[in-house]
N, C-alpha and C. Protein backbone atom coordinates (compact mmCIF):
# COMPACT_ATOMS: atom_id res chain seq x y z
N MET A 1 103.46 108.85 103.07
CA MET A 1 103.22 108.57 104.23
C MET A 1 103.71 109.65 105.18
N SER A 2 102.86 109.81 106.15
CA SER A 2 103.33 110.80 107.08
C SER A 2 104.16 110.37 108.49
N LYS A 3 105.06 110.98 108.88
CA LYS A 3 105.83 110.55 110.18
C LYS A 3 105.18 111.25 111.29
N TRP A 4 104.42 109.95 111.89
CA TRP A 4 103.81 110.27 113.50
C TRP A 4 104.65 109.59 114.18
N ARG A 5 105.13 110.45 115.38
CA ARG A 5 105.94 109.93 116.27
C ARG A 5 105.32 110.41 117.58
N PRO A 6 105.21 109.53 118.78
CA PRO A 6 105.14 109.87 120.40
C PRO A 6 105.89 111.03 120.73
N SER A 7 105.36 111.66 121.74
CA SER A 7 105.83 112.84 122.12
C SER A 7 107.07 112.50 122.78
N GLY A 8 107.51 111.48 123.46
CA GLY A 8 108.62 110.69 124.13
C GLY A 8 109.64 110.42 122.87
N SER A 9 110.43 110.03 123.48
CA SER A 9 111.71 109.36 122.77
C SER A 9 111.20 107.77 122.03
N CYS A 10 112.00 107.71 120.93
CA CYS A 10 111.78 106.31 120.36
C CYS A 10 113.00 105.55 120.11
N ILE A 11 112.75 104.50 120.10
CA ILE A 11 113.85 103.50 120.12
C ILE A 11 113.45 102.35 118.73
N TYR A 12 114.09 102.51 117.84
CA TYR A 12 113.78 101.88 116.56
C TYR A 12 114.91 100.71 116.31
N ILE A 13 114.54 99.42 116.15
CA ILE A 13 115.59 98.44 116.06
C ILE A 13 115.12 97.53 114.94
N ILE A 14 116.26 97.57 114.27
CA ILE A 14 116.53 96.83 112.95
C ILE A 14 117.13 95.73 112.59
N ALA A 15 117.00 94.61 112.06
CA ALA A 15 117.52 93.37 112.30
C ALA A 15 117.63 92.67 110.89
N ASP A 16 118.65 92.14 110.43
CA ASP A 16 118.41 91.21 109.02
C ASP A 16 118.35 91.91 107.89
N ILE A 17 118.95 92.88 107.82
CA ILE A 17 119.08 93.98 106.52
C ILE A 17 119.46 92.96 105.31
N HIS A 18 120.34 92.26 105.45
CA HIS A 18 120.80 91.43 104.26
C HIS A 18 121.17 91.92 103.26
N GLY A 19 121.61 93.07 103.37
CA GLY A 19 122.06 93.92 101.82
C GLY A 19 120.70 94.49 101.10
N MET A 20 119.80 94.59 101.85
CA MET A 20 118.64 94.92 100.83
C MET A 20 118.35 96.70 101.04
N PHE A 21 119.34 97.59 100.12
CA PHE A 21 119.59 99.11 100.47
C PHE A 21 118.32 99.74 100.02
N ASP A 22 117.89 99.56 99.02
CA ASP A 22 116.35 100.23 98.76
C ASP A 22 115.53 100.04 100.07
N GLU A 23 115.25 98.66 100.79
CA GLU A 23 114.32 98.77 101.83
C GLU A 23 114.84 99.24 102.96
N PHE A 24 116.21 99.29 103.17
CA PHE A 24 116.53 100.00 104.32
C PHE A 24 116.47 101.60 104.36
N GLU A 25 116.70 102.22 103.06
CA GLU A 25 116.58 103.71 102.74
C GLU A 25 114.78 103.61 102.80
N LEU A 26 114.11 102.84 102.50
CA LEU A 26 112.41 103.15 102.66
C LEU A 26 112.52 103.40 104.42
N ILE A 27 113.10 102.42 104.74
CA ILE A 27 112.81 102.27 106.74
C ILE A 27 113.37 103.90 107.36
N MET A 28 114.89 104.01 106.65
CA MET A 28 115.33 105.17 107.17
C MET A 28 114.44 106.56 106.84
N SER A 29 113.80 106.58 105.63
CA SER A 29 113.19 107.83 105.28
C SER A 29 111.60 107.96 106.40
N ARG A 30 111.26 107.04 106.82
CA ARG A 30 110.16 106.97 107.88
C ARG A 30 110.72 107.15 109.35
N ILE A 31 112.04 107.35 109.65
CA ILE A 31 112.39 107.52 110.60
C ILE A 31 113.43 108.34 111.49
N LEU A 32 114.13 108.85 110.20
CA LEU A 32 114.72 110.07 110.05
C LEU A 32 114.62 111.61 109.93
N PRO A 33 114.90 112.50 110.62
CA PRO A 33 116.32 112.63 111.42
C PRO A 33 115.60 112.24 112.88
N LEU A 34 116.47 111.22 113.46
CA LEU A 34 116.52 111.06 114.62
C LEU A 34 116.51 112.51 115.71
N ARG A 35 115.99 112.60 116.58
CA ARG A 35 115.84 114.04 117.62
C ARG A 35 116.66 113.73 118.82
N TYR A 36 117.17 114.66 119.22
CA TYR A 36 118.02 115.21 120.13
C TYR A 36 117.63 116.25 120.88
N THR A 37 116.50 116.90 120.96
CA THR A 37 116.07 118.33 121.53
C THR A 37 114.93 118.32 122.52
N GLY A 38 115.17 119.00 123.41
CA GLY A 38 114.29 119.27 124.42
C GLY A 38 113.85 117.83 125.27
N GLY A 39 115.08 117.34 125.48
CA GLY A 39 114.93 115.69 126.64
C GLY A 39 114.45 114.95 125.99
N ILE A 40 113.94 115.16 124.31
CA ILE A 40 113.60 113.90 123.53
C ILE A 40 114.80 113.20 122.63
N GLU A 41 115.69 111.98 123.06
CA GLU A 41 116.57 111.56 122.39
C GLU A 41 115.92 110.23 121.85
N ASP A 42 116.03 110.18 120.32
CA ASP A 42 115.69 108.69 119.40
C ASP A 42 116.81 108.01 119.65
N LYS A 43 116.82 106.58 119.59
CA LYS A 43 117.70 105.95 119.68
C LYS A 43 117.53 104.69 118.36
N LEU A 44 118.91 104.30 117.46
CA LEU A 44 118.44 103.89 116.28
C LEU A 44 119.42 102.87 116.45
N ILE A 45 119.18 101.19 116.87
CA ILE A 45 119.76 100.20 117.06
C ILE A 45 119.67 99.26 115.86
N LEU A 46 120.94 99.06 115.15
CA LEU A 46 121.01 97.90 114.13
C LEU A 46 121.88 96.76 114.67
N LEU A 47 120.94 95.36 114.32
CA LEU A 47 121.54 94.21 114.78
C LEU A 47 122.21 93.48 113.89
N GLY A 48 122.69 93.99 113.02
CA GLY A 48 123.69 92.88 112.29
C GLY A 48 123.01 92.34 110.84
N ASP A 49 123.52 91.20 110.36
CA ASP A 49 123.34 90.60 109.13
C ASP A 49 123.19 91.88 108.19
N TYR A 50 124.38 92.27 107.91
CA TYR A 50 124.17 93.72 106.99
C TYR A 50 124.34 92.95 105.43
N ILE A 51 125.14 92.25 105.29
CA ILE A 51 125.65 91.94 104.15
C ILE A 51 125.53 90.16 103.96
N ASP A 52 124.76 90.04 102.49
CA ASP A 52 123.87 89.08 102.38
C ASP A 52 122.96 88.94 101.08
N ARG A 53 122.85 87.66 100.28
CA ARG A 53 121.99 87.94 99.76
C ARG A 53 121.89 88.88 98.49
N ARG A 54 121.83 90.06 98.47
CA ARG A 54 121.79 91.16 97.19
C ARG A 54 123.23 91.52 97.03
N GLY A 55 123.07 92.13 95.92
CA GLY A 55 124.47 92.69 95.32
C GLY A 55 124.62 94.45 95.69
N GLU A 56 123.54 94.73 96.69
CA GLU A 56 123.70 96.12 97.18
C GLU A 56 123.95 96.36 98.45
N SER A 57 125.12 95.26 99.07
CA SER A 57 125.78 95.35 100.27
C SER A 57 126.56 96.57 100.27
N HIS A 58 127.55 96.98 99.45
CA HIS A 58 128.35 97.79 99.40
C HIS A 58 127.69 98.98 99.67
N LEU A 59 126.64 99.25 98.82
CA LEU A 59 125.85 100.57 99.33
C LEU A 59 125.38 101.03 100.58
N LEU A 60 124.91 99.72 101.02
CA LEU A 60 124.36 99.39 102.78
C LEU A 60 125.34 99.79 103.60
N ILE A 61 126.64 99.26 103.11
CA ILE A 61 127.59 99.36 104.39
C ILE A 61 128.23 101.13 104.33
N ASP A 62 128.20 101.77 102.83
CA ASP A 62 128.70 103.11 102.98
C ASP A 62 127.37 103.92 103.52
N ARG A 63 126.29 103.52 103.37
CA ARG A 63 125.08 104.30 104.13
C ARG A 63 125.18 103.99 105.54
N LEU A 64 125.47 103.04 106.07
CA LEU A 64 125.84 102.85 107.66
C LEU A 64 126.98 103.72 108.10
N ILE A 65 127.88 103.96 107.19
CA ILE A 65 129.18 104.59 107.85
C ILE A 65 128.36 106.26 107.63
N GLU A 66 128.09 106.77 106.72
CA GLU A 66 127.00 108.26 106.83
C GLU A 66 126.35 108.13 107.90
N LEU A 67 125.25 107.24 108.40
CA LEU A 67 124.97 107.37 109.41
C LEU A 67 125.39 107.60 110.98
N LYS A 68 126.65 106.84 110.90
CA LYS A 68 127.45 107.00 112.14
C LYS A 68 128.24 108.40 112.32
N LYS A 69 128.60 108.99 111.02
CA LYS A 69 129.05 109.94 110.81
C LYS A 69 127.96 111.10 111.33
N GLU A 70 126.70 110.88 110.67
CA GLU A 70 125.59 111.94 110.98
C GLU A 70 125.28 112.07 112.29
N TYR A 71 125.26 110.70 113.22
CA TYR A 71 124.50 110.75 114.42
C TYR A 71 125.84 110.18 115.35
N PRO A 72 126.54 110.90 115.52
CA PRO A 72 127.84 110.22 116.36
C PRO A 72 127.39 109.88 118.03
N LYS A 73 126.52 110.41 118.52
CA LYS A 73 126.10 110.17 119.54
C LYS A 73 125.39 108.58 119.75
N GLN A 74 125.13 108.17 118.61
CA GLN A 74 124.33 106.66 118.81
C GLN A 74 125.96 105.82 118.76
N ASN A 75 125.72 104.86 119.93
CA ASN A 75 126.77 103.93 119.90
C ASN A 75 126.86 102.70 119.17
């Protein structure tokens, strides 16, 4: 699949991940890297429910920590 993006900034909102690490990584492969150049600034918003249902919750939390380090401007 290709990464098509509009020319303006994008807001990506992801909710209810429930420890589904593989599915989360699939989504991230479609939207990363976030853009910060030429007045274009993408925003990633995660709405919680990170841990639940699956045994991969620890991998998901580690990935969220990595994303925060990689994109420190994200609040």
